[in-house]
Amino acid sequence: MPLSARNQLGATVSAVKHGSVMSVVTIQLSGGEEIVAAITRDSAEALSLGDGDRVTAIIKSTEVILSKD
């Protein structure tokens, strides 16, 4: 499915923790970096997300915050 979002990162699900309403999904990028996403439990269940699944993280944001020590 083509999307206008340019920040699309292939990753592997490394953990899924379901809460009563939200699920916390941890994914690992090919370089070893991790991203944690909070999505609705309904969405996580509809996608049948589980450890080892290949996913694409699509990041669309109007704000980026940078910090420098």
Protein backbone atom coordinates (compact mmCIF):
# COMPACT_ATOMS: atom_id res chain seq x y z
CA MET A 1 0.00 0.00 0.00
CA PRO A 2 1.64 3.28 -1.07
CA LEU A 3 1.75 5.97 1.62
CA SER A 4 2.78 9.61 1.63
CA ALA A 5 4.80 9.15 4.83
CA ARG A 6 8.48 9.01 3.97
CA ASN A 7 9.74 7.65 7.28
CA GLN A 8 9.08 3.95 6.85
CA LEU A 9 11.34 1.60 8.80
CA GLY A 10 11.37 -2.18 8.43
CA ALA A 11 11.62 -3.92 11.79
CA THR A 12 10.95 -7.08 13.76
CA VAL A 13 8.60 -7.27 16.74
CA SER A 14 10.57 -8.19 19.85
CA ALA A 15 7.84 -7.82 22.49
CA VAL A 16 4.12 -7.15 22.83
CA LYS A 17 2.58 -6.28 26.21
CA HIS A 18 -1.19 -5.95 26.28
CA GLY A 19 -2.95 -3.69 28.74
CA SER A 20 -6.68 -3.36 29.16
CA VAL A 21 -6.94 -0.67 26.45
CA MET A 22 -3.45 -0.12 25.01
CA SER A 23 -0.66 -2.44 23.91
CA VAL A 24 3.04 -1.59 24.07
CA VAL A 25 4.90 -3.00 21.07
CA THR A 26 8.70 -3.05 20.97
CA ILE A 27 10.32 -3.43 17.57
CA GLN A 28 13.95 -3.84 16.62
CA LEU A 29 15.49 -2.22 13.55
CA SER A 30 18.15 -4.01 11.49
CA GLY A 31 20.92 -2.01 13.20
CA GLY A 32 19.77 -3.15 16.64
CA GLU A 33 17.98 0.05 17.64
CA GLU A 34 14.61 -0.33 19.33
CA ILE A 35 11.43 1.66 18.93
CA VAL A 36 8.52 1.37 21.34
CA ALA A 37 5.01 2.12 20.10
CA ALA A 38 1.82 2.40 22.13
CA ILE A 39 -1.15 1.34 20.02
CA THR A 40 -4.68 0.31 20.90
CA ARG A 41 -5.09 -3.27 22.02
CA ASP A 42 -7.77 -3.70 19.35
CA SER A 43 -5.23 -2.73 16.65
CA ALA A 44 -2.54 -5.03 18.05
CA GLU A 45 -5.00 -7.93 18.13
CA ALA A 46 -6.36 -7.14 14.65
CA LEU A 47 -2.78 -7.29 13.32
CA SER A 48 -2.10 -10.46 15.36
CA LEU A 49 1.23 -8.97 16.42
CA GLY A 50 3.68 -11.37 18.01
CA ASP A 51 7.39 -11.85 18.62
CA GLY A 52 9.35 -12.27 15.40
CA ASP A 53 6.74 -10.68 13.12
CA ARG A 54 8.12 -8.41 10.39
CA VAL A 55 6.47 -4.99 10.43
CA THR A 56 6.95 -1.54 8.96
CA ALA A 57 7.03 1.38 11.39
CA ILE A 58 5.54 4.42 9.66
CA ILE A 59 6.47 7.63 11.43
CA LYS A 60 4.51 10.74 10.55
CA SER A 61 5.09 13.77 12.74
CA THR A 62 4.90 17.50 12.45
CA GLU A 63 7.33 18.01 15.30
CA VAL A 64 10.84 16.75 15.95
CA ILE A 65 12.69 17.67 19.14
CA LEU A 66 16.50 17.55 19.19
CA SER A 67 18.82 17.82 22.19
CA LYS A 68 22.54 18.36 22.40
CA ASP A 69 24.70 17.93 25.49
